[in-house]
Amino acid sequence: SAESLVHRRFTVLHEFKHIIDHPLSGRLYDERAYVALGERELVAD
């Protein structure tokens, strides 16, 4: 809640993308843990 309204709007959509991707992450991202984490964040942004 301490984030600015502009940042909160962006973050809601970023997190929503993680929800969309959840059951499909094996198809969408490199499965190596550190690569996948970074890639997921870039794509959600």
All heavy atoms as atom14 arrays in JSON, in Angstrom:
{
  "sequence": "SAESLVHRRFTVLHEFKHIIDHPLSGRLYDERAYVALGERELVAD",
  "atom14_mask": [
    [1, 1, 1, 1, 1, 1, 0, 0, 0, 0, 0, 0, 0, 0],
    [1, 1, 1, 1, 1, 0, 0, 0, 0, 0, 0, 0, 0, 0],
    [1, 1, 1, 1, 1, 1, 1, 1, 1, 0, 0, 0, 0, 0],
    [1, 1, 1, 1, 1, 1, 0, 0, 0, 0, 0, 0, 0, 0],
    [1, 1, 1, 1, 1, 1, 1, 1, 0, 0, 0, 0, 0, 0],
    [1, 1, 1, 1, 1, 1, 1, 0, 0, 0, 0, 0, 0, 0],
    [1, 1, 1, 1, 1, 1, 1, 1, 1, 1, 0, 0, 0, 0],
    [1, 1, 1, 1, 1, 1, 1, 1, 1, 1, 1, 0, 0, 0],
    [1, 1, 1, 1, 1, 1, 1, 1, 1, 1, 1, 0, 0, 0],
    [1, 1, 1, 1, 1, 1, 1, 1, 1, 1, 1, 0, 0, 0],
    [1, 1, 1, 1, 1, 1, 1, 0, 0, 0, 0, 0, 0, 0],
    [1, 1, 1, 1, 1, 1, 1, 0, 0, 0, 0, 0, 0, 0],
    [1, 1, 1, 1, 1, 1, 1, 1, 0, 0, 0, 0, 0, 0],
    [1, 1, 1, 1, 1, 1, 1, 1, 1, 1, 0, 0, 0, 0],
    [1, 1, 1, 1, 1, 1, 1, 1, 1, 0, 0, 0, 0, 0],
    [1, 1, 1, 1, 1, 1, 1, 1, 1, 1, 1, 0, 0, 0],
    [1, 1, 1, 1, 1, 1, 1, 1, 1, 0, 0, 0, 0, 0],
    [1, 1, 1, 1, 1, 1, 1, 1, 1, 1, 0, 0, 0, 0],
    [1, 1, 1, 1, 1, 1, 1, 1, 0, 0, 0, 0, 0, 0],
    [1, 1, 1, 1, 1, 1, 1, 1, 0, 0, 0, 0, 0, 0],
    [1, 1, 1, 1, 1, 1, 1, 1, 0, 0, 0, 0, 0, 0],
    [1, 1, 1, 1, 1, 1, 1, 1, 1, 1, 0, 0, 0, 0],
    [1, 1, 1, 1, 1, 1, 1, 0, 0, 0, 0, 0, 0, 0],
    [1, 1, 1, 1, 1, 1, 1, 1, 0, 0, 0, 0, 0, 0],
    [1, 1, 1, 1, 1, 1, 0, 0, 0, 0, 0, 0, 0, 0],
    [1, 1, 1, 1, 0, 0, 0, 0, 0, 0, 0, 0, 0, 0],
    [1, 1, 1, 1, 1, 1, 1, 1, 1, 1, 1, 0, 0, 0],
    [1, 1, 1, 1, 1, 1, 1, 1, 0, 0, 0, 0, 0, 0],
    [1, 1, 1, 1, 1, 1, 1, 1, 1, 1, 1, 1, 0, 0],
    [1, 1, 1, 1, 1, 1, 1, 1, 0, 0, 0, 0, 0, 0],
    [1, 1, 1, 1, 1, 1, 1, 1, 1, 0, 0, 0, 0, 0],
    [1, 1, 1, 1, 1, 1, 1, 1, 1, 1, 1, 0, 0, 0],
    [1, 1, 1, 1, 1, 0, 0, 0, 0, 0, 0, 0, 0, 0],
    [1, 1, 1, 1, 1, 1, 1, 1, 1, 1, 1, 1, 0, 0],
    [1, 1, 1, 1, 1, 1, 1, 0, 0, 0, 0, 0, 0, 0],
    [1, 1, 1, 1, 1, 0, 0, 0, 0, 0, 0, 0, 0, 0],
    [1, 1, 1, 1, 1, 1, 1, 1, 0, 0, 0, 0, 0, 0],
    [1, 1, 1, 1, 0, 0, 0, 0, 0, 0, 0, 0, 0, 0],
    [1, 1, 1, 1, 1, 1, 1, 1, 1, 0, 0, 0, 0, 0],
    [1, 1, 1, 1, 1, 1, 1, 1, 1, 1, 1, 0, 0, 0],
    [1, 1, 1, 1, 1, 1, 1, 1, 1, 0, 0, 0, 0, 0],
    [1, 1, 1, 1, 1, 1, 1, 1, 0, 0, 0, 0, 0, 0],
    [1, 1, 1, 1, 1, 1, 1, 0, 0, 0, 0, 0, 0, 0],
    [1, 1, 1, 1, 1, 0, 0, 0, 0, 0, 0, 0, 0, 0],
    [1, 1, 1, 1, 1, 1, 1, 1, 0, 0, 0, 0, 0, 0]
  ],
  "atom14_positions": [
    [[0.81, -1.22, 0.0], [0.0, 0.0, 0.0], [0.84, 1.27, 0.0], [0.36, 2.33, -0.4], [-0.97, 0.01, 1.19], [-0.26, -0.06, 2.4], [0.0, 0.0, 0.0], [0.0, 0.0, 0.0], [0.0, 0.0, 0.0], [0.0, 0.0, 0.0], [0.0, 0.0, 0.0], [0.0, 0.0, 0.0], [0.0, 0.0, 0.0], [0.0, 0.0, 0.0]],
    [[2.09, 1.19, 0.42], [2.95, 2.38, 0.46], [3.41, 2.83, -0.93], [3.92, 3.93, -1.09], [4.17, 2.11, 1.34], [0.0, 0.0, 0.0], [0.0, 0.0, 0.0], [0.0, 0.0, 0.0], [0.0, 0.0, 0.0], [0.0, 0.0, 0.0], [0.0, 0.0, 0.0], [0.0, 0.0, 0.0], [0.0, 0.0, 0.0], [0.0, 0.0, 0.0]],
    [[3.23, 1.99, -1.93], [3.64, 2.35, -3.29], [2.72, 3.43, -3.85], [1.56, 3.55, -3.46], [3.57, 1.13, -4.21], [4.43, -0.05, -3.79], [5.92, 0.19, -4.01], [6.3, 1.2, -4.63], [6.7, -0.66, -3.55], [0.0, 0.0, 0.0], [0.0, 0.0, 0.0], [0.0, 0.0, 0.0], [0.0, 0.0, 0.0], [0.0, 0.0, 0.0]],
    [[3.21, 4.19, -4.8], [2.39, 5.21, -5.46], [1.28, 4.53, -6.26], [1.4, 3.35, -6.63], [3.24, 6.07, -6.39], [3.66, 5.3, -7.5], [0.0, 0.0, 0.0], [0.0, 0.0, 0.0], [0.0, 0.0, 0.0], [0.0, 0.0, 0.0], [0.0, 0.0, 0.0], [0.0, 0.0, 0.0], [0.0, 0.0, 0.0], [0.0, 0.0, 0.0]],
    [[0.24, 5.26, -6.56], [-0.87, 4.73, -7.36], [-0.36, 4.24, -8.72], [-0.76, 3.16, -9.19], [-1.95, 5.79, -7.56], [-3.14, 5.4, -8.46], [-3.86, 4.19, -7.9], [-4.08, 6.57, -8.63], [0.0, 0.0, 0.0], [0.0, 0.0, 0.0], [0.0, 0.0, 0.0], [0.0, 0.0, 0.0], [0.0, 0.0, 0.0], [0.0, 0.0, 0.0]],
    [[0.51, 4.98, -9.34], [1.07, 4.6, -10.64], [1.79, 3.26, -10.52], [1.61, 2.37, -11.35], [2.02, 5.71, -11.15], [2.84, 5.24, -12.34], [1.23, 6.96, -11.51], [0.0, 0.0, 0.0], [0.0, 0.0, 0.0], [0.0, 0.0, 0.0], [0.0, 0.0, 0.0], [0.0, 0.0, 0.0], [0.0, 0.0, 0.0], [0.0, 0.0, 0.0]],
    [[2.59, 3.1, -9.49], [3.33, 1.85, -9.3], [2.38, 0.69, -8.96], [2.57, -0.43, -9.45], [4.38, 2.02, -8.2], [5.35, 0.89, -8.13], [6.38, 0.74, -9.02], [5.41, -0.17, -7.3], [7.05, -0.36, -8.73], [6.48, -0.94, -7.7], [0.0, 0.0, 0.0], [0.0, 0.0, 0.0], [0.0, 0.0, 0.0], [0.0, 0.0, 0.0]],
    [[1.36, 0.95, -8.16], [0.4, -0.1, -7.81], [-0.33, -0.61, -9.05], [-0.54, -1.81, -9.2], [-0.59, 0.39, -6.76], [0.03, 0.6, -5.4], [-0.97, 0.8, -4.28], [-2.03, 1.73, -4.57], [-2.18, 2.93, -4.0], [-1.31, 3.36, -3.11], [-3.2, 3.7, -4.32], [0.0, 0.0, 0.0], [0.0, 0.0, 0.0], [0.0, 0.0, 0.0]],
    [[-0.72, 0.3, -9.95], [-1.4, -0.11, -11.17], [-0.52, -1.04, -11.99], [-0.97, -2.07, -12.49], [-1.78, 1.12, -12.02], [-2.89, 1.95, -11.43], [-3.16, 3.23, -12.23], [-3.64, 2.93, -13.56], [-2.98, 3.22, -14.69], [-1.84, 3.82, -14.67], [-3.5, 2.91, -15.85], [0.0, 0.0, 0.0], [0.0, 0.0, 0.0], [0.0, 0.0, 0.0]],
    [[0.74, -0.66, -12.14], [1.69, -1.49, -12.89], [1.84, -2.85, -12.22], [1.81, -3.89, -12.88], [3.04, -0.77, -12.98], [4.05, -1.51, -13.82], [4.09, -1.32, -15.19], [4.93, -2.4, -13.25], [4.99, -2.01, -15.98], [5.84, -3.1, -14.03], [5.88, -2.9, -15.4], [0.0, 0.0, 0.0], [0.0, 0.0, 0.0], [0.0, 0.0, 0.0]],
    [[1.98, -2.86, -10.91], [2.21, -4.1, -10.17], [1.01, -5.04, -10.24], [1.19, -6.26, -10.36], [2.6, -3.79, -8.7], [3.75, -2.93, -8.71], [2.93, -5.05, -7.94], [0.0, 0.0, 0.0], [0.0, 0.0, 0.0], [0.0, 0.0, 0.0], [0.0, 0.0, 0.0], [0.0, 0.0, 0.0], [0.0, 0.0, 0.0], [0.0, 0.0, 0.0]],
    [[-0.2, -4.51, -10.2], [-1.39, -5.36, -10.34], [-1.33, -6.11, -11.67], [-1.55, -7.33, -11.71], [-2.69, -4.54, -10.23], [-3.9, -5.34, -10.71], [-2.92, -4.08, -8.8], [0.0, 0.0, 0.0], [0.0, 0.0, 0.0], [0.0, 0.0, 0.0], [0.0, 0.0, 0.0], [0.0, 0.0, 0.0], [0.0, 0.0, 0.0], [0.0, 0.0, 0.0]],
    [[-1.02, -5.42, -12.74], [-0.96, -6.06, -14.05], [0.22, -7.02, -14.16], [0.1, -8.1, -14.75], [-0.92, -5.01, -15.16], [-2.26, -4.29, -15.33], [-2.09, -2.96, -16.04], [-3.25, -5.18, -16.05], [0.0, 0.0, 0.0], [0.0, 0.0, 0.0], [0.0, 0.0, 0.0], [0.0, 0.0, 0.0], [0.0, 0.0, 0.0], [0.0, 0.0, 0.0]],
    [[1.35, -6.66, -13.58], [2.52, -7.54, -13.54], [2.15, -8.86, -12.84], [2.42, -9.94, -13.36], [3.66, -6.82, -12.81], [4.84, -7.67, -12.53], [6.01, -7.57, -13.26], [5.07, -8.62, -11.6], [6.9, -8.43, -12.78], [6.35, -9.08, -11.77], [0.0, 0.0, 0.0], [0.0, 0.0, 0.0], [0.0, 0.0, 0.0], [0.0, 0.0, 0.0]],
    [[1.53, -8.77, -11.68], [1.16, -9.97, -10.93], [0.08, -10.76, -11.66], [0.05, -11.99, -11.61], [0.71, -9.61, -9.51], [1.82, -9.01, -8.65], [3.03, -9.9, -8.49], [2.89, -11.14, -8.5], [4.15, -9.35, -8.37], [0.0, 0.0, 0.0], [0.0, 0.0, 0.0], [0.0, 0.0, 0.0], [0.0, 0.0, 0.0], [0.0, 0.0, 0.0]],
    [[-0.83, -10.07, -12.33], [-1.86, -10.75, -13.1], [-1.23, -11.62, -14.19], [-1.69, -12.73, -14.47], [-2.85, -9.75, -13.69], [-3.99, -10.4, -14.42], [-4.91, -11.19, -13.75], [-4.14, -10.24, -15.78], [-5.97, -11.81, -14.43], [-5.18, -10.84, -16.47], [-6.1, -11.62, -15.79], [0.0, 0.0, 0.0], [0.0, 0.0, 0.0], [0.0, 0.0, 0.0]],
    [[-0.16, -11.13, -14.8], [0.53, -11.94, -15.82], [1.09, -13.22, -15.21], [1.03, -14.28, -15.83], [1.65, -11.11, -16.48], [2.51, -11.88, -17.48], [1.75, -12.43, -18.66], [2.73, -13.0, -19.71], [2.1, -14.01, -20.55], [0.0, 0.0, 0.0], [0.0, 0.0, 0.0], [0.0, 0.0, 0.0], [0.0, 0.0, 0.0], [0.0, 0.0, 0.0]],
    [[1.59, -13.14, -13.99], [2.07, -14.36, -13.33], [0.92, -15.36, -13.15], [1.12, -16.56, -13.27], [2.71, -14.04, -11.97], [4.03, -13.34, -12.06], [5.03, -13.72, -12.92], [4.51, -12.28, -11.37], [6.08, -12.93, -12.76], [5.79, -12.04, -11.83], [0.0, 0.0, 0.0], [0.0, 0.0, 0.0], [0.0, 0.0, 0.0], [0.0, 0.0, 0.0]],
    [[-0.27, -14.85, -12.86], [-1.44, -15.72, -12.71], [-1.79, -16.37, -14.05], [-2.06, -17.58, -14.12], [-2.64, -14.93, -12.13], [-2.35, -14.52, -10.69], [-3.93, -15.74, -12.24], [-3.35, -13.52, -10.12], [0.0, 0.0, 0.0], [0.0, 0.0, 0.0], [0.0, 0.0, 0.0], [0.0, 0.0, 0.0], [0.0, 0.0, 0.0], [0.0, 0.0, 0.0]],
    [[-1.78, -15.59, -15.11], [-2.06, -16.13, -16.45], [-1.08, -17.26, -16.76], [-1.45, -18.33, -17.22], [-1.94, -15.04, -17.53], [-2.99, -13.95, -17.35], [-2.05, -15.66, -18.93], [-2.73, -12.71, -18.19], [0.0, 0.0, 0.0], [0.0, 0.0, 0.0], [0.0, 0.0, 0.0], [0.0, 0.0, 0.0], [0.0, 0.0, 0.0], [0.0, 0.0, 0.0]],
    [[0.19, -17.02, -16.47], [1.26, -17.95, -16.85], [1.37, -19.18, -15.96], [1.97, -20.18, -16.36], [2.61, -17.24, -16.82], [2.74, -16.2, -17.92], [1.87, -16.14, -18.81], [3.73, -15.44, -17.88], [0.0, 0.0, 0.0], [0.0, 0.0, 0.0], [0.0, 0.0, 0.0], [0.0, 0.0, 0.0], [0.0, 0.0, 0.0], [0.0, 0.0, 0.0]],
    [[0.82, -19.12, -14.77], [1.08, -20.15, -13.76], [1.02, -21.59, -14.29], [1.99, -22.32, -14.15], [0.17, -19.97, -12.55], [0.39, -21.0, -11.51], [1.52, -21.02, -10.72], [-0.35, -22.08, -11.15], [1.45, -22.05, -9.91], [0.34, -22.71, -10.15], [0.0, 0.0, 0.0], [0.0, 0.0, 0.0], [0.0, 0.0, 0.0], [0.0, 0.0, 0.0]],
    [[-0.06, -22.03, -14.91], [-0.09, -23.45, -15.32], [0.72, -23.74, -16.58], [0.88, -24.9, -16.95], [-1.58, -23.71, -15.55], [-2.13, -22.39, -15.93], [-1.34, -21.37, -15.16], [0.0, 0.0, 0.0], [0.0, 0.0, 0.0], [0.0, 0.0, 0.0], [0.0, 0.0, 0.0], [0.0, 0.0, 0.0], [0.0, 0.0, 0.0], [0.0, 0.0, 0.0]],
    [[1.24, -22.71, -17.22], [1.89, -22.88, -18.52], [3.37, -22.52, -18.49], [4.01, -22.44, -19.54], [1.2, -21.99, -19.56], [-0.32, -22.18, -19.66], [-0.95, -21.04, -20.43], [-0.63, -23.52, -20.29], [0.0, 0.0, 0.0], [0.0, 0.0, 0.0], [0.0, 0.0, 0.0], [0.0, 0.0, 0.0], [0.0, 0.0, 0.0], [0.0, 0.0, 0.0]],
    [[3.93, -22.3, -17.32], [5.3, -21.77, -17.24], [6.33, -22.66, -17.92], [7.33, -22.17, -18.44], [5.68, -21.48, -15.79], [5.66, -22.66, -15.04], [0.0, 0.0, 0.0], [0.0, 0.0, 0.0], [0.0, 0.0, 0.0], [0.0, 0.0, 0.0], [0.0, 0.0, 0.0], [0.0, 0.0, 0.0], [0.0, 0.0, 0.0], [0.0, 0.0, 0.0]],
    [[6.11, -23.98, -17.95], [7.04, -24.88, -18.61], [7.16, -24.62, -20.1], [8.2, -24.88, -20.7], [0.0, 0.0, 0.0], [0.0, 0.0, 0.0], [0.0, 0.0, 0.0], [0.0, 0.0, 0.0], [0.0, 0.0, 0.0], [0.0, 0.0, 0.0], [0.0, 0.0, 0.0], [0.0, 0.0, 0.0], [0.0, 0.0, 0.0], [0.0, 0.0, 0.0]],
    [[6.1, -24.11, -20.72], [6.12, -23.79, -22.14], [6.67, -22.4, -22.4], [7.16, -22.11, -23.48], [4.71, -23.86, -22.73], [4.21, -25.25, -22.9], [2.95, -25.22, -23.73], [1.87, -25.8, -22.94], [0.6, -25.64, -23.2], [0.21, -24.89, -24.19], [-0.3, -26.22, -22.45], [0.0, 0.0, 0.0], [0.0, 0.0, 0.0], [0.0, 0.0, 0.0]],
    [[6.51, -21.53, -21.4], [6.83, -20.12, -21.61], [8.25, -19.73, -21.23], [8.79, -18.77, -21.76], [5.86, -19.25, -20.8], [4.39, -19.34, -21.22], [3.51, -18.65, -20.2], [4.21, -18.76, -22.6], [0.0, 0.0, 0.0], [0.0, 0.0, 0.0], [0.0, 0.0, 0.0], [0.0, 0.0, 0.0], [0.0, 0.0, 0.0], [0.0, 0.0, 0.0]],
    [[8.84, -20.45, -20.29], [10.11, -20.0, -19.73], [11.14, -21.12, -19.65], [10.79, -22.28, -19.45], [9.89, -19.41, -18.34], [8.85, -18.32, -18.34], [7.62, -18.49, -17.71], [9.08, -17.14, -19.02], [6.66, -17.5, -17.74], [8.11, -16.14, -19.06], [6.9, -16.33, -18.43], [5.95, -15.35, -18.48], [0.0, 0.0, 0.0], [0.0, 0.0, 0.0]],
    [[12.38, -20.74, -19.78], [13.5, -21.65, -19.6], [13.38, -22.23, -18.2], [13.18, -21.49, -17.24], [14.8, -20.85, -19.76], [16.03, -21.71, -19.77], [16.12, -22.65, -18.95], [16.91, -21.44, -20.59], [0.0, 0.0, 0.0], [0.0, 0.0, 0.0], [0.0, 0.0, 0.0], [0.0, 0.0, 0.0], [0.0, 0.0, 0.0], [0.0, 0.0, 0.0]],
    [[13.49, -23.52, -18.06], [13.24, -24.17, -16.77], [14.4, -24.07, -15.78], [14.25, -24.44, -14.62], [12.83, -25.62, -16.99], [11.49, -25.72, -17.69], [11.0, -27.13, -17.86], [11.62, -28.07, -17.33], [9.97, -27.3, -18.53], [0.0, 0.0, 0.0], [0.0, 0.0, 0.0], [0.0, 0.0, 0.0], [0.0, 0.0, 0.0], [0.0, 0.0, 0.0]],
    [[15.55, -23.56, -16.23], [16.65, -23.37, -15.27], [16.23, -22.28, -14.31], [15.85, -21.18, -14.72], [17.94, -22.99, -15.99], [18.48, -24.14, -16.84], [19.62, -23.69, -17.68], [19.1, -22.76, -18.71], [19.87, -22.04, -19.51], [21.18, -22.11, -19.43], [19.34, -21.27, -20.42], [0.0, 0.0, 0.0], [0.0, 0.0, 0.0], [0.0, 0.0, 0.0]],
    [[16.28, -22.54, -13.03], [15.67, -21.7, -11.99], [16.0, -20.21, -12.11], [15.11, -19.37, -12.15], [16.06, -22.21, -10.6], [0.0, 0.0, 0.0], [0.0, 0.0, 0.0], [0.0, 0.0, 0.0], [0.0, 0.0, 0.0], [0.0, 0.0, 0.0], [0.0, 0.0, 0.0], [0.0, 0.0, 0.0], [0.0, 0.0, 0.0], [0.0, 0.0, 0.0]],
    [[17.27, -19.86, -12.17], [17.61, -18.44, -12.17], [17.25, -17.77, -13.49], [16.85, -16.62, -13.52], [19.1, -18.25, -11.85], [19.41, -18.63, -10.44], [20.15, -19.77, -10.15], [18.93, -17.88, -9.38], [20.41, -20.14, -8.84], [19.19, -18.24, -8.07], [19.92, -19.37, -7.8], [20.17, -19.73, -6.51], [0.0, 0.0, 0.0], [0.0, 0.0, 0.0]],
    [[17.38, -18.5, -14.57], [17.0, -17.95, -15.87], [15.48, -17.74, -15.89], [15.0, -16.68, -16.28], [17.43, -18.9, -17.01], [16.92, -18.41, -18.36], [18.94, -19.03, -17.03], [0.0, 0.0, 0.0], [0.0, 0.0, 0.0], [0.0, 0.0, 0.0], [0.0, 0.0, 0.0], [0.0, 0.0, 0.0], [0.0, 0.0, 0.0], [0.0, 0.0, 0.0]],
    [[14.73, -18.73, -15.44], [13.27, -18.64, -15.46], [12.77, -17.49, -14.61], [11.87, -16.75, -15.02], [12.65, -19.95, -14.98], [0.0, 0.0, 0.0], [0.0, 0.0, 0.0], [0.0, 0.0, 0.0], [0.0, 0.0, 0.0], [0.0, 0.0, 0.0], [0.0, 0.0, 0.0], [0.0, 0.0, 0.0], [0.0, 0.0, 0.0], [0.0, 0.0, 0.0]],
    [[13.34, -17.3, -13.44], [12.9, -16.21, -12.57], [13.07, -14.87, -13.25], [12.15, -14.06, -13.31], [13.65, -16.24, -11.24], [13.29, -15.13, -10.26], [11.83, -15.24, -9.85], [14.19, -15.19, -9.05], [0.0, 0.0, 0.0], [0.0, 0.0, 0.0], [0.0, 0.0, 0.0], [0.0, 0.0, 0.0], [0.0, 0.0, 0.0], [0.0, 0.0, 0.0]],
    [[14.24, -14.62, -13.81], [14.49, -13.36, -14.49], [13.62, -13.18, -15.71], [13.09, -12.1, -15.96], [0.0, 0.0, 0.0], [0.0, 0.0, 0.0], [0.0, 0.0, 0.0], [0.0, 0.0, 0.0], [0.0, 0.0, 0.0], [0.0, 0.0, 0.0], [0.0, 0.0, 0.0], [0.0, 0.0, 0.0], [0.0, 0.0, 0.0], [0.0, 0.0, 0.0]],
    [[13.46, -14.24, -16.47], [12.64, -14.17, -17.67], [11.17, -13.91, -17.33], [10.51, -13.08, -17.95], [12.78, -15.48, -18.46], [12.15, -15.43, -19.82], [12.36, -16.69, -20.64], [12.86, -17.7, -20.08], [12.03, -16.66, -21.82], [0.0, 0.0, 0.0], [0.0, 0.0, 0.0], [0.0, 0.0, 0.0], [0.0, 0.0, 0.0], [0.0, 0.0, 0.0]],
    [[10.68, -14.6, -16.32], [9.28, -14.38, -15.88], [9.05, -12.92, -15.5], [8.01, -12.35, -15.83], [8.96, -15.26, -14.67], [8.69, -16.68, -14.99], [8.27, -17.44, -13.74], [8.16, -18.83, -14.05], [8.91, -19.79, -13.52], [9.8, -19.5, -12.61], [8.75, -21.04, -13.89], [0.0, 0.0, 0.0], [0.0, 0.0, 0.0], [0.0, 0.0, 0.0]],
    [[9.99, -12.35, -14.79], [9.84, -10.96, -14.35], [9.87, -9.99, -15.53], [9.08, -9.05, -15.59], [10.91, -10.6, -13.31], [10.79, -11.4, -12.01], [9.41, -11.33, -11.38], [8.86, -10.22, -11.22], [8.86, -12.4, -11.03], [0.0, 0.0, 0.0], [0.0, 0.0, 0.0], [0.0, 0.0, 0.0], [0.0, 0.0, 0.0], [0.0, 0.0, 0.0]],
    [[10.77, -10.23, -16.47], [10.84, -9.37, -17.67], [9.54, -9.44, -18.47], [9.02, -8.42, -18.92], [12.01, -9.8, -18.56], [13.4, -9.42, -18.1], [14.45, -10.09, -18.99], [13.58, -7.92, -18.12], [0.0, 0.0, 0.0], [0.0, 0.0, 0.0], [0.0, 0.0, 0.0], [0.0, 0.0, 0.0], [0.0, 0.0, 0.0], [0.0, 0.0, 0.0]],
    [[9.03, -10.65, -18.65], [7.81, -10.82, -19.45], [6.61, -10.22, -18.71], [5.75, -9.58, -19.33], [7.59, -12.31, -19.82], [6.24, -12.51, -20.5], [8.72, -12.8, -20.72], [0.0, 0.0, 0.0], [0.0, 0.0, 0.0], [0.0, 0.0, 0.0], [0.0, 0.0, 0.0], [0.0, 0.0, 0.0], [0.0, 0.0, 0.0], [0.0, 0.0, 0.0]],
    [[6.54, -10.37, -17.4], [5.44, -9.78, -16.63], [5.5, -8.26, -16.69], [4.47, -7.59, -16.81], [5.47, -10.27, -15.18], [0.0, 0.0, 0.0], [0.0, 0.0, 0.0], [0.0, 0.0, 0.0], [0.0, 0.0, 0.0], [0.0, 0.0, 0.0], [0.0, 0.0, 0.0], [0.0, 0.0, 0.0], [0.0, 0.0, 0.0], [0.0, 0.0, 0.0]],
    [[6.7, -7.7, -16.63], [6.85, -6.24, -16.78], [6.39, -5.8, -18.16], [5.7, -4.79, -18.32], [8.31, -5.82, -16.59], [8.72, -5.67, -15.13], [7.86, -5.82, -14.23], [9.92, -5.41, -14.9], [0.0, 0.0, 0.0], [0.0, 0.0, 0.0], [0.0, 0.0, 0.0], [0.0, 0.0, 0.0], [0.0, 0.0, 0.0], [0.0, 0.0, 0.0]]
  ]
}
